[in-house]
PDB file of N, CA and C in Angstrom:
ATOM      1  N   MET A   1       1.419  -0.881  -0.462  1.00  0.00           N
ATOM      2  CA  MET A   1       0.178   0.450  -0.361  1.00  0.00           C
ATOM      3  C   MET A   1       1.006   1.205  -0.319  1.00  0.00           C
ATOM      4  N   ILE A   2       0.311   2.374  -0.734  1.00  0.00           N
ATOM      5  CA  ILE A   2       1.284   3.368  -0.723  1.00  0.00           C
ATOM      6  C   ILE A   2       0.562   4.154   0.763  1.00  0.00           C
ATOM      7  N   ALA A   3       1.675   4.945   1.039  1.00  0.00           N
ATOM      8  CA  ALA A   3       1.635   5.774   2.257  1.00  0.00           C
ATOM      9  C   ALA A   3       1.893   6.964   2.273  1.00  0.00           C
ATOM     10  N   CYS A   4       0.162   8.075   1.685  1.00  0.00           N
ATOM     11  CA  CYS A   4      -0.194   8.490   1.598  1.00  0.00           C
ATOM     12  C   CYS A   4       0.132  10.245   2.982  1.00  0.00           C
ATOM     13  N   ALA A   5       0.710  10.881   2.399  1.00  0.00           N
ATOM     14  CA  ALA A   5       0.580  11.404   4.375  1.00  0.00           C
ATOM     15  C   ALA A   5      -0.173  12.765   4.487  1.00  0.00           C
ATOM     16  N   THR A   6      -0.620  13.331   5.690  1.00  0.00           N
ATOM     17  CA  THR A   6      -2.041  14.428   4.785  1.00  0.00           C
ATOM     18  C   THR A   6      -1.182  15.372   6.217  1.00  0.00           C
ATOM     19  N   LEU A   7      -1.532  16.906   5.601  1.00  0.00           N
ATOM     20  CA  LEU A   7      -0.759  17.420   6.706  1.00  0.00           C
ATOM     21  C   LEU A   7      -0.635  17.876   8.401  1.00  0.00           C
ATOM     22  N   GLY A   8      -1.638  16.671   8.337  1.00  0.00           N
ATOM     23  CA  GLY A   8      -1.698  16.308   9.899  1.00  0.00           C
ATOM     24  C   GLY A   8      -0.102  15.443  10.596  1.00  0.00           C
ATOM     25  N   ASP A   9      -0.123  13.896   9.530  1.00  0.00           N
ATOM     26  CA  ASP A   9       0.864  13.295   9.855  1.00  0.00           C
ATOM     27  C   ASP A   9       2.954  13.993  10.213  1.00  0.00           C
ATOM     28  N   SER A  10       3.682  14.029   9.816  1.00  0.00           N
ATOM     29  CA  SER A  10       4.925  14.078  10.686  1.00  0.00           C
ATOM     30  C   SER A  10       6.144  14.188   9.968  1.00  0.00           C
ATOM     31  N   MET A  11       6.517  15.269   9.609  1.00  0.00           N
ATOM     32  CA  MET A  11       7.141  15.980   7.953  1.00  0.00           C
ATOM     33  C   MET A  11       8.267  14.903   8.519  1.00  0.00           C
ATOM     34  N   ALA A  12       8.258  14.493   9.737  1.00  0.00           N
ATOM     35  CA  ALA A  12       9.742  13.907   9.182  1.00  0.00           C
ATOM     36  C   ALA A  12      10.032  12.583   8.206  1.00  0.00           C
ATOM     37  N   SER A  13       9.720  12.067   7.129  1.00  0.00           N
ATOM     38  CA  SER A  13       9.681  10.398   6.907  1.00  0.00           C
ATOM     39  C   SER A  13      11.403   9.916   7.014  1.00  0.00           C
ATOM     40  N   GLY A  14      12.579  11.374   6.933  1.00  0.00           N
ATOM     41  CA  GLY A  14      13.659  10.548   6.501  1.00  0.00           C
ATOM     42  C   GLY A  14      14.372  11.018   4.717  1.00  0.00           C
ATOM     43  N   TYR A  15      13.430  11.363   4.285  1.00  0.00           N
ATOM     44  CA  TYR A  15      13.720  11.139   2.851  1.00  0.00           C
ATOM     45  C   TYR A  15      13.732  13.486   2.244  1.00  0.00           C
ATOM     46  N   ALA A  16      14.162  13.512   1.474  1.00  0.00           N
ATOM     47  CA  ALA A  16      13.629  14.526   0.673  1.00  0.00           C
ATOM     48  C   ALA A  16      14.202  14.613  -0.889  1.00  0.00           C
ATOM     49  N   VAL A  17      13.229  14.977  -1.592  1.00  0.00           N
ATOM     50  CA  VAL A  17      13.785  16.275  -2.322  1.00  0.00           C
ATOM     51  C   VAL A  17      14.849  17.154  -2.935  1.00  0.00           C
ATOM     52  N   VAL A  18      15.387  17.250  -3.020  1.00  0.00           N
ATOM     53  CA  VAL A  18      16.409  18.820  -3.713  1.00  0.00           C
ATOM     54  C   VAL A  18      16.360  18.838  -4.354  1.00  0.00           C
ATOM     55  N   LEU A  19      16.070  20.504  -4.794  1.00  0.00           N
ATOM     56  CA  LEU A  19      16.021  20.722  -6.815  1.00  0.00           C
ATOM     57  C   LEU A  19      17.260  21.475  -6.681  1.00  0.00           C
ATOM     58  N   THR A  20      17.940  21.531  -7.935  1.00  0.00           N
ATOM     59  CA  THR A  20      19.061  22.374  -7.815  1.00  0.00           C
ATOM     60  C   THR A  20      18.910  22.954  -9.566  1.00  0.00           C
ATOM     61  N   THR A  21      20.145  24.115 -10.101  1.00  0.00           N
ATOM     62  CA  THR A  21      19.569  24.184 -11.510  1.00  0.00           C
ATOM     63  C   THR A  21      21.066  24.504 -11.785  1.00  0.00           C
ATOM     64  N   VAL A  22      20.991  24.207 -12.821  1.00  0.00           N
ATOM     65  CA  VAL A  22      22.764  24.761 -13.873  1.00  0.00           C
ATOM     66  C   VAL A  22      22.717  25.340 -14.930  1.00  0.00           C
ATOM     67  N   GLU A  23      23.243  25.506 -15.599  1.00  0.00           N
ATOM     68  CA  GLU A  23      23.672  25.975 -17.047  1.00  0.00           C
ATOM     69  C   GLU A  23      23.352  25.292 -18.353  1.00  0.00           C
ATOM     70  N   SER A  24      23.596  24.674 -18.106  1.00  0.00           N
ATOM     71  CA  SER A  24      23.875  23.593 -19.042  1.00  0.00           C
ATOM     72  C   SER A  24      23.557  21.709 -19.248  1.00  0.00           C
ATOM     73  N   ARG A  25      23.265  21.827 -20.017  1.00  0.00           N
ATOM     74  CA  ARG A  25      22.815  19.627 -20.195  1.00  0.00           C
ATOM     75  C   ARG A  25      24.373  19.229 -19.935  1.00  0.00           C
ATOM     76  N   ARG A  26      25.140  19.694 -20.097  1.00  0.00           N
ATOM     77  CA  ARG A  26      26.141  19.072 -19.702  1.00  0.00           C
ATOM     78  C   ARG A  26      26.867  18.668 -18.397  1.00  0.00           C
ATOM     79  N   ARG A  27      26.696  20.302 -18.211  1.00  0.00           N
ATOM     80  CA  ARG A  27      26.506  20.335 -16.331  1.00  0.00           C
ATOM     81  C   ARG A  27      25.769  19.948 -15.424  1.00  0.00           C
ATOM     82  N   ALA A  28      24.527  19.817 -15.885  1.00  0.00           N
ATOM     83  CA  ALA A  28      23.531  19.012 -15.445  1.00  0.00           C
ATOM     84  C   ALA A  28      23.622  17.049 -15.039  1.00  0.00           C
ATOM     85  N   GLU A  29      24.083  16.936 -15.995  1.00  0.00           N
ATOM     86  CA  GLU A  29      24.531  15.744 -17.027  1.00  0.00           C
ATOM     87  C   GLU A  29      25.635  14.628 -15.625  1.00  0.00           C
ATOM     88  N   ASP A  30      26.637  15.602 -16.555  1.00  0.00           N
ATOM     89  CA  ASP A  30      28.189  15.573 -14.634  1.00  0.00           C
ATOM     90  C   ASP A  30      27.531  14.936 -13.221  1.00  0.00           C
ATOM     91  N   LEU A  31      26.953  16.498 -13.237  1.00  0.00           N
ATOM     92  CA  LEU A  31      27.008  16.672 -11.552  1.00  0.00           C
ATOM     93  C   LEU A  31      26.025  15.163 -11.128  1.00  0.00           C
ATOM     94  N   ALA A  32      24.784  15.621 -11.755  1.00  0.00           N
ATOM     95  CA  ALA A  32      23.414  13.647 -11.502  1.00  0.00           C
ATOM     96  C   ALA A  32      24.499  12.604 -11.209  1.00  0.00           C
ATOM     97  N   ARG A  33      25.042  12.234 -12.363  1.00  0.00           N
ATOM     98  CA  ARG A  33      26.295  10.761 -12.271  1.00  0.00           C
ATOM     99  C   ARG A  33      26.847  11.266 -11.188  1.00  0.00           C
ATOM    100  N   ARG A  34      27.855  12.558 -10.859  1.00  0.00           N
ATOM    101  CA  ARG A  34      28.552  12.001  -9.706  1.00  0.00           C
ATOM    102  C   ARG A  34      28.484  12.608  -8.685  1.00  0.00           C
ATOM    103  N   ILE A  35      27.107  12.779  -8.384  1.00  0.00           N
ATOM    104  CA  ILE A  35      26.036  12.584  -7.457  1.00  0.00           C
ATOM    105  C   ILE A  35      25.588  11.251  -6.829  1.00  0.00           C
ATOM    106  N   VAL A  36      25.210  10.301  -7.945  1.00  0.00           N
ATOM    107  CA  VAL A  36      24.768   9.301  -7.707  1.00  0.00           C
ATOM    108  C   VAL A  36      25.742   8.644  -7.603  1.00  0.00           C
ATOM    109  N   GLU A  37      26.800   8.967  -7.914  1.00  0.00           N
ATOM    110  CA  GLU A  37      28.025   7.925  -7.773  1.00  0.00           C
ATOM    111  C   GLU A  37      28.260   8.330  -6.773  1.00  0.00           C
ATOM    112  N   GLU A  38      29.136   9.276  -5.862  1.00  0.00           N
ATOM    113  CA  GLU A  38      29.355   9.479  -5.001  1.00  0.00           C
ATOM    114  C   GLU A  38      27.977   9.072  -3.723  1.00  0.00           C
ATOM    115  N   LYS A  39      27.248   8.457  -4.082  1.00  0.00           N
ATOM    116  CA  LYS A  39      25.707   8.075  -3.294  1.00  0.00           C
ATOM    117  C   LYS A  39      25.692   8.876  -2.164  1.00  0.00           C
ATOM    118  N   LEU A  40      25.505  10.254  -2.513  1.00  0.00           N
ATOM    119  CA  LEU A  40      24.536  10.593  -2.335  1.00  0.00           C
ATOM    120  C   LEU A  40      23.381  11.354  -1.953  1.00  0.00           C
ATOM    121  N   ALA A  41      23.138  10.848  -3.603  1.00  0.00           N
ATOM    122  CA  ALA A  41      21.443  10.307  -3.773  1.00  0.00           C
ATOM    123  C   ALA A  41      21.245   9.280  -4.917  1.00  0.00           C
ATOM    124  N   ALA A  42      20.308   8.622  -4.735  1.00  0.00           N
ATOM    125  CA  ALA A  42      19.761   7.380  -4.673  1.00  0.00           C
ATOM    126  C   ALA A  42      19.206   8.049  -6.428  1.00  0.00           C
ATOM    127  N   CYS A  43      19.000   8.909  -6.743  1.00  0.00           N
ATOM    128  CA  CYS A  43      18.365   9.200  -8.033  1.00  0.00           C
ATOM    129  C   CYS A  43      18.767  10.675  -8.761  1.00  0.00           C
ATOM    130  N   VAL A  44      18.728  10.974  -9.759  1.00  0.00           N
ATOM    131  CA  VAL A  44      18.576  12.811  -9.972  1.00  0.00           C
ATOM    132  C   VAL A  44      18.108  12.517 -11.143  1.00  0.00           C
ATOM    133  N   GLN A  45      17.061  13.419 -11.591  1.00  0.00           N
ATOM    134  CA  GLN A  45      16.157  13.514 -13.003  1.00  0.00           C
ATOM    135  C   GLN A  45      16.915  14.620 -13.723  1.00  0.00           C
ATOM    136  N   THR A  46      17.211  15.565 -14.611  1.00  0.00           N
ATOM    137  CA  THR A  46      17.161  16.229 -15.258  1.00  0.00           C
ATOM    138  C   THR A  46      16.120  16.493 -16.640  1.00  0.00           C
ATOM    139  N   TYR A  47      15.780  18.293 -16.177  1.00  0.00           N
ATOM    140  CA  TYR A  47      15.121  18.456 -17.374  1.00  0.00           C
ATOM    141  C   TYR A  47      15.060  20.190 -17.968  1.00  0.00           C
ATOM    142  N   GLY A  48      15.407  20.816 -18.880  1.00  0.00           N
ATOM    143  CA  GLY A  48      15.403  21.571 -19.674  1.00  0.00           C
ATOM    144  C   GLY A  48      14.232  22.868 -19.443  1.00  0.00           C
ATOM    145  N   VAL A  49      14.467  23.631 -18.897  1.00  0.00           N
ATOM    146  CA  VAL A  49      13.833  24.667 -18.141  1.00  0.00           C
ATOM    147  C   VAL A  49      13.719  25.887 -19.246  1.00  0.00           C
ATOM    148  N   ARG A  50      12.666  27.259 -18.493  1.00  0.00           N
ATOM    149  CA  ARG A  50      13.368  28.366 -18.963  1.00  0.00           C
ATOM    150  C   ARG A  50      12.933  29.059 -17.456  1.00  0.00           C
ATOM    151  N   SER A  51      14.059  29.722 -16.719  1.00  0.00           N
ATOM    152  CA  SER A  51      13.453  30.690 -15.474  1.00  0.00           C
ATOM    153  C   SER A  51      13.560  31.852 -16.537  1.00  0.00           C
ATOM    154  N   PHE A  52      12.835  33.117 -14.897  1.00  0.00           N
ATOM    155  CA  PHE A  52      12.604  33.919 -15.378  1.00  0.00           C
ATOM    156  C   PHE A  52      12.800  33.905 -13.420  1.00  0.00           C
ATOM    157  N   TYR A  53      14.286  35.506 -13.363  1.00  0.00           N
ATOM    158  CA  TYR A  53      14.677  35.648 -12.352  1.00  0.00           C
ATOM    159  C   TYR A  53      15.335  37.076 -12.030  1.00  0.00           C
ATOM    160  N   ARG A  54      15.095  37.890 -10.647  1.00  0.00           N
ATOM    161  CA  ARG A  54      15.572  38.697 -10.670  1.00  0.00           C
ATOM    162  C   ARG A  54      17.088  38.635 -10.447  1.00  0.00           C
ATOM    163  N   TRP A  55      17.719  39.102 -10.273  1.00  0.00           N
ATOM    164  CA  TRP A  55      19.926  38.926 -10.672  1.00  0.00           C
ATOM    165  C   TRP A  55      20.154  40.604 -10.889  1.00  0.00           C
ATOM    166  N   MET A  56      20.738  41.323  -9.055  1.00  0.00           N
ATOM    167  CA  MET A  56      21.837  42.055  -9.392  1.00  0.00           C
ATOM    168  C   MET A  56      20.492  43.048 -10.119  1.00  0.00           C
ATOM    169  N   GLY A  57      19.236  43.601  -9.458  1.00  0.00           N
ATOM    170  CA  GLY A  57      18.265  44.797  -9.703  1.00  0.00           C
ATOM    171  C   GLY A  57      17.644  44.518 -10.945  1.00  0.00           C
ATOM    172  N   LYS A  58      17.036  43.811 -11.669  1.00  0.00           N
ATOM    173  CA  LYS A  58      17.266  43.985 -13.249  1.00  0.00           C
ATOM    174  C   LYS A  58      16.906  42.193 -13.444  1.00  0.00           C
ATOM    175  N   VAL A  59      15.355  41.821 -13.743  1.00  0.00           N
ATOM    176  CA  VAL A  59      14.389  40.691 -14.702  1.00  0.00           C
ATOM    177  C   VAL A  59      15.480  39.768 -15.428  1.00  0.00           C
ATOM    178  N   GLU A  60      15.674  38.588 -14.850  1.00  0.00           N
ATOM    179  CA  GLU A  60      16.708  37.497 -16.058  1.00  0.00           C
ATOM    180  C   GLU A  60      15.952  36.599 -16.990  1.00  0.00           C
ATOM    181  N   ARG A  61      16.481  36.519 -17.594  1.00  0.00           N
ATOM    182  CA  ARG A  61      15.757  35.084 -18.619  1.00  0.00           C
ATOM    183  C   ARG A  61      16.789  33.909 -19.080  1.00  0.00           C
ATOM    184  N   GLY A  62      16.257  32.921 -18.527  1.00  0.00           N
ATOM    185  CA  GLY A  62      18.148  31.819 -18.982  1.00  0.00           C
ATOM    186  C   GLY A  62      16.846  30.874 -19.190  1.00  0.00           C
ATOM    187  N   ASP A  63      17.657  29.628 -19.863  1.00  0.00           N
ATOM    188  CA  ASP A  63      17.612  28.604 -20.390  1.00  0.00           C
ATOM    189  C   ASP A  63      18.992  27.527 -19.466  1.00  0.00           C
ATOM    190  N   GLU A  64      17.692  27.679 -18.642  1.00  0.00           N
ATOM    191  CA  GLU A  64      18.847  26.150 -17.468  1.00  0.00           C
ATOM    192  C   GLU A  64      18.479  24.780 -17.165  1.00  0.00           C
ATOM    193  N   HIS A  65      19.156  24.025 -16.701  1.00  0.00           N
ATOM    194  CA  HIS A  65      18.088  22.691 -16.507  1.00  0.00           C
ATOM    195  C   HIS A  65      17.980  21.837 -14.879  1.00  0.00           C
ATOM    196  N   LEU A  66      17.106  21.324 -14.673  1.00  0.00           N
ATOM    197  CA  LEU A  66      16.741  21.478 -13.520  1.00  0.00           C
ATOM    198  C   LEU A  66      17.037  19.820 -13.045  1.00  0.00           C
ATOM    199  N   LEU A  67      17.432  19.981 -11.952  1.00  0.00           N
ATOM    200  CA  LEU A  67      17.884  18.571 -11.510  1.00  0.00           C
ATOM    201  C   LEU A  67      16.804  17.953  -9.973  1.00  0.00           C
ATOM    202  N   ILE A  68      16.289  16.861 -10.501  1.00  0.00           N
ATOM    203  CA  ILE A  68      15.184  16.896  -9.263  1.00  0.00           C
ATOM    204  C   ILE A  68      15.850  15.126  -8.327  1.00  0.00           C
ATOM    205  N   ILE A  69      16.357  16.139  -7.738  1.00  0.00           N
ATOM    206  CA  ILE A  69      17.528  15.021  -6.648  1.00  0.00           C
ATOM    207  C   ILE A  69      16.856  14.444  -5.381  1.00  0.00           C
ATOM    208  N   LYS A  70      16.661  12.826  -6.155  1.00  0.00           N
ATOM    209  CA  LYS A  70      16.033  12.327  -4.247  1.00  0.00           C
ATOM    210  C   LYS A  70      16.710  11.196  -3.813  1.00  0.00           C
ATOM    211  N   THR A  71      16.662  11.659  -2.375  1.00  0.00           N
ATOM    212  CA  THR A  71      18.112  11.034  -1.162  1.00  0.00           C
ATOM    213  C   THR A  71      17.097  11.050  -0.039  1.00  0.00           C
ATOM    214  N   THR A  72      18.581  10.790   1.377  1.00  0.00           N
ATOM    215  CA  THR A  72      17.937  10.711   2.494  1.00  0.00           C
ATOM    216  C   THR A  72      18.347  12.647   2.830  1.00  0.00           C
ATOM    217  N   VAL A  73      18.049  13.085   4.122  1.00  0.00           N
ATOM    218  CA  VAL A  73      17.456  13.572   5.297  1.00  0.00           C
ATOM    219  C   VAL A  73      18.556  13.949   5.526  1.00  0.00           C
ATOM    220  N   ASP A  74      19.599  12.730   5.946  1.00  0.00           N
ATOM    221  CA  ASP A  74      21.024  12.541   6.348  1.00  0.00           C
ATOM    222  C   ASP A  74      22.262  12.975   5.710  1.00  0.00           C
ATOM    223  N   ALA A  75      22.100  12.680   4.143  1.00  0.00           N
ATOM    224  CA  ALA A  75      22.568  12.970   3.225  1.00  0.00           C
ATOM    225  C   ALA A  75      23.094  14.398   2.866  1.00  0.00           C
ATOM    226  N   CYS A  76      21.248  15.518   3.159  1.00  0.00           N
ATOM    227  CA  CYS A  76      21.590  16.390   2.397  1.00  0.00           C
ATOM    228  C   CYS A  76      22.536  17.454   2.589  1.00  0.00           C
ATOM    229  N   ALA A  77      23.052  17.519   3.786  1.00  0.00           N
ATOM    230  CA  ALA A  77      24.455  18.693   4.623  1.00  0.00           C
ATOM    231  C   ALA A  77      25.349  18.122   3.074  1.00  0.00           C
ATOM    232  N   LYS A  78      25.350  16.904   2.892  1.00  0.00           N
ATOM    233  CA  LYS A  78      26.561  16.278   2.350  1.00  0.00           C
ATOM    234  C   LYS A  78      26.588  16.576   0.833  1.00  0.00           C
ATOM    235  N   LEU A  79      25.731  16.207   0.821  1.00  0.00           N
ATOM    236  CA  LEU A  79      25.139  17.089  -1.177  1.00  0.00           C
ATOM    237  C   LEU A  79      24.804  18.678  -1.316  1.00  0.00           C
ATOM    238  N   SER A  80      24.254  19.315  -0.075  1.00  0.00           N
ATOM    239  CA  SER A  80      25.077  21.263  -0.600  1.00  0.00           C
ATOM    240  C   SER A  80      26.444  21.243  -0.325  1.00  0.00           C
ATOM    241  N   GLU A  81      26.823  20.572  -0.113  1.00  0.00           N
ATOM    242  CA  GLU A  81      28.689  20.427   0.246  1.00  0.00           C
ATOM    243  C   GLU A  81      28.664  20.490  -1.432  1.00  0.00           C
ATOM    244  N   PHE A  82      28.833  19.020  -1.866  1.00  0.00           N
ATOM    245  CA  PHE A  82      28.935  18.858  -2.902  1.00  0.00           C
ATOM    246  C   PHE A  82      28.749  19.931  -4.207  1.00  0.00           C
ATOM    247  N   ILE A  83      27.107  20.043  -4.430  1.00  0.00           N
ATOM    248  CA  ILE A  83      26.581  20.747  -5.031  1.00  0.00           C
ATOM    249  C   ILE A  83      26.643  22.072  -4.755  1.00  0.00           C
ATOM    250  N   VAL A  84      28.037  23.221  -3.552  1.00  0.00           N
ATOM    251  CA  VAL A  84      28.436  24.625  -3.298  1.00  0.00           C
ATOM    252  C   VAL A  84      30.192  24.234  -4.760  1.00  0.00           C
ATOM    253  N   ALA A  85      30.323  23.027  -4.263  1.00  0.00           N
ATOM    254  CA  ALA A  85      31.768  23.052  -3.832  1.00  0.00           C
ATOM    255  C   ALA A  85      31.747  22.494  -6.277  1.00  0.00           C
ATOM    256  N   ASN A  86      31.374  22.167  -7.013  1.00  0.00           N
ATOM    257  CA  ASN A  86      31.031  21.896  -8.062  1.00  0.00           C
ATOM    258  C   ASN A  86      30.283  22.251  -9.071  1.00  0.00           C
ATOM    259  N   HIS A  87      29.206  23.480  -8.707  1.00  0.00           N
ATOM    260  CA  HIS A  87      28.086  24.647  -9.096  1.00  0.00           C
ATOM    261  C   HIS A  87      28.966  25.264  -9.709  1.00  0.00           C
ATOM    262  N   GLY A  88      28.230  25.694 -11.089  1.00  0.00           N
ATOM    263  CA  GLY A  88      28.941  27.069 -11.555  1.00  0.00           C
ATOM    264  C   GLY A  88      28.311  27.860 -11.254  1.00  0.00           C
ATOM    265  N   TYR A  89      27.902  28.222 -10.704  1.00  0.00           N
ATOM    266  CA  TYR A  89      26.675  29.887 -10.310  1.00  0.00           C
ATOM    267  C   TYR A  89      27.251  30.018  -8.917  1.00  0.00           C
ATOM    268  N   LYS A  90      26.936  31.678  -8.634  1.00  0.00           N
ATOM    269  CA  LYS A  90      27.928  32.793  -7.390  1.00  0.00           C
ATOM    270  C   LYS A  90      26.361  31.586  -6.021  1.00  0.00           C
ATOM    271  N   ILE A  91      25.455  31.720  -6.155  1.00  0.00           N
ATOM    272  CA  ILE A  91      25.101  31.535  -5.377  1.00  0.00           C
ATOM    273  C   ILE A  91      23.706  30.345  -6.536  1.00  0.00           C
ATOM    274  N   PRO A  92      24.292  28.995  -5.701  1.00  0.00           N
ATOM    275  CA  PRO A  92      23.460  27.817  -6.299  1.00  0.00           C
ATOM    276  C   PRO A  92      21.842  27.751  -5.511  1.00  0.00           C
ATOM    277  N   GLU A  93      21.279  27.745  -6.231  1.00  0.00           N
ATOM    278  CA  GLU A  93      19.380  26.949  -5.759  1.00  0.00           C
ATOM    279  C   GLU A  93      20.452  25.832  -5.040  1.00  0.00           C
ATOM    280  N   ILE A  94      19.672  25.560  -3.996  1.00  0.00           N
ATOM    281  CA  ILE A  94      19.681  24.710  -3.005  1.00  0.00           C
ATOM    282  C   ILE A  94      18.033  24.241  -2.216  1.00  0.00           C
ATOM    283  N   ILE A  95      17.286  23.806  -2.897  1.00  0.00           N
ATOM    284  CA  ILE A  95      16.390  24.250  -2.061  1.00  0.00           C
ATOM    285  C   ILE A  95      15.632  21.903  -1.702  1.00  0.00           C
ATOM    286  N   GLN A  96      15.943  22.410  -0.153  1.00  0.00           N
ATOM    287  CA  GLN A  96      15.706  20.170   0.299  1.00  0.00           C
ATOM    288  C   GLN A  96      13.691  20.421   0.333  1.00  0.00           C
ATOM    289  N   ILE A  97      13.501  19.647  -0.298  1.00  0.00           N
ATOM    290  CA  ILE A  97      11.757  19.391   0.352  1.00  0.00           C
ATOM    291  C   ILE A  97      11.732  17.950   0.827  1.00  0.00           C
ATOM    292  N   PRO A  98      10.967  18.239   1.992  1.00  0.00           N
ATOM    293  CA  PRO A  98      11.052  16.805   3.117  1.00  0.00           C
ATOM    294  C   PRO A  98       9.661  16.276   1.906  1.00  0.00           C
ATOM    295  N   ILE A  99      10.328  14.403   2.011  1.00  0.00           N
ATOM    296  CA  ILE A  99       8.877  13.819   1.115  1.00  0.00           C
ATOM    297  C   ILE A  99       8.222  12.895   2.614  1.00  0.00           C
ATOM    298  N   ILE A 100       6.584  13.978   2.482  1.00  0.00           N
ATOM    299  CA  ILE A 100       5.927  12.657   3.262  1.00  0.00           C
ATOM    300  C   ILE A 100       5.229  12.035   3.370  1.00  0.00           C
ATOM    301  N   GLY A 101       5.550  11.272   2.184  1.00  0.00           N
ATOM    302  CA  GLY A 101       5.052  10.048   2.017  1.00  0.00           C
ATOM    303  C   GLY A 101       5.445   9.496   0.884  1.00  0.00           C
ATOM    304  N   GLY A 102       5.163   8.374   0.322  1.00  0.00           N
ATOM    305  CA  GLY A 102       5.202   7.126  -1.227  1.00  0.00           C
ATOM    306  C   GLY A 102       5.159   5.491  -0.429  1.00  0.00           C
ATOM    307  N   LEU A 103       6.084   4.133  -1.442  1.00  0.00           N
ATOM    308  CA  LEU A 103       5.937   3.959  -1.912  1.00  0.00           C
ATOM    309  C   LEU A 103       6.670   3.317  -1.100  1.00  0.00           C
ATOM    310  N   PRO A 104       6.920   2.798   0.612  1.00  0.00           N
ATOM    311  CA  PRO A 104       7.395   2.159   1.116  1.00  0.00           C
ATOM    312  C   PRO A 104       8.834   1.040   0.594  1.00  0.00           C
ATOM    313  N   GLU A 105       8.940   0.877  -0.662  1.00  0.00           N
ATOM    314  CA  GLU A 105       9.561   0.050  -0.940  1.00  0.00           C
ATOM    315  C   GLU A 105      10.551   0.795  -1.322  1.00  0.00           C
ATOM    316  N   TYR A 106       9.918   2.324  -2.249  1.00  0.00           N
ATOM    317  CA  TYR A 106      10.613   2.927  -3.159  1.00  0.00           C
ATOM    318  C   TYR A 106      11.502   4.196  -2.648  1.00  0.00           C
ATOM    319  N   LEU A 107      10.834   4.219  -1.419  1.00  0.00           N
ATOM    320  CA  LEU A 107      12.334   5.163  -0.360  1.00  0.00           C
ATOM    321  C   LEU A 107      12.770   4.456  -0.394  1.00  0.00           C
ATOM    322  N   HIS A 108      12.872   3.075   0.920  1.00  0.00           N
ATOM    323  CA  HIS A 108      13.023   2.028   0.558  1.00  0.00           C
ATOM    324  C   HIS A 108      14.535   1.884   0.430  1.00  0.00           C
ATOM    325  N   TRP A 109      14.518   1.949  -0.862  1.00  0.00           N
ATOM    326  CA  TRP A 109      15.377   2.484  -2.189  1.00  0.00           C
ATOM    327  C   TRP A 109      16.807   3.444  -1.860  1.00  0.00           C
ATOM    328  N   ILE A 110      15.671   4.387  -1.492  1.00  0.00           N
ATOM    329  CA  ILE A 110      16.413   5.802  -1.863  1.00  0.00           C
ATOM    330  C   ILE A 110      17.292   6.324  -0.994  1.00  0.00           C
ATOM    331  N   GLY A 111      16.817   4.990   0.275  1.00  0.00           N
ATOM    332  CA  GLY A 111      17.201   5.256   1.900  1.00  0.00           C
ATOM    333  C   GLY A 111      18.977   4.634   1.544  1.00  0.00           C
ATOM    334  N   VAL A 112      18.723   2.665   0.849  1.00  0.00           N
ATOM    335  CA  VAL A 112      20.012   1.937   0.741  1.00  0.00           C
ATOM    336  C   VAL A 112      20.638   2.598  -0.507  1.00  0.00           C
ATOM    337  N   SER A 113      20.162   3.156  -1.237  1.00  0.00           N
ATOM    338  CA  SER A 113      21.179   3.862  -2.544  1.00  0.00           C
ATOM    339  C   SER A 113      22.543   4.901  -2.144  1.00  0.00           C
ATOM    340  N   SER A 114      21.656   5.382  -1.151  1.00  0.00           N
ATOM    341  CA  SER A 114      22.314   6.913  -0.514  1.00  0.00           C
ATOM    342  C   SER A 114      23.004   6.780   0.495  1.00  0.00           C
ATOM    343  N   GLU A 115      23.493   5.707   0.830  1.00  0.00           N
ATOM    344  CA  GLU A 115      24.589   5.557   1.686  1.00  0.00           C
ATOM    345  C   GLU A 115      25.783   5.488   1.836  1.00  0.00           C
TER     346      GLU A 115
END
């Protein structure tokens, strides 16, 4: 059975999705591969996106690549350090979203793959 959480449930499943964006497909693929090789995450998906953002007082537009990273909460600090050290942006996007539910077998796979 799939574990579906409600707002009243605990927010601490032990798993998280981390988002970051990079400037090119090549960098996205390299970063994704290295994150999985280092066992900082079980899976990383990459998608081409168009971003609109404010930078240095101007509204900018750019084509970027979004990385959706499935990992454990315990691995998030090391993952964040890795992203900062291997990212091309001065201030990289690093957003951690707790996973509050999901297929238990899939969540277990994230855990064993991120150790």
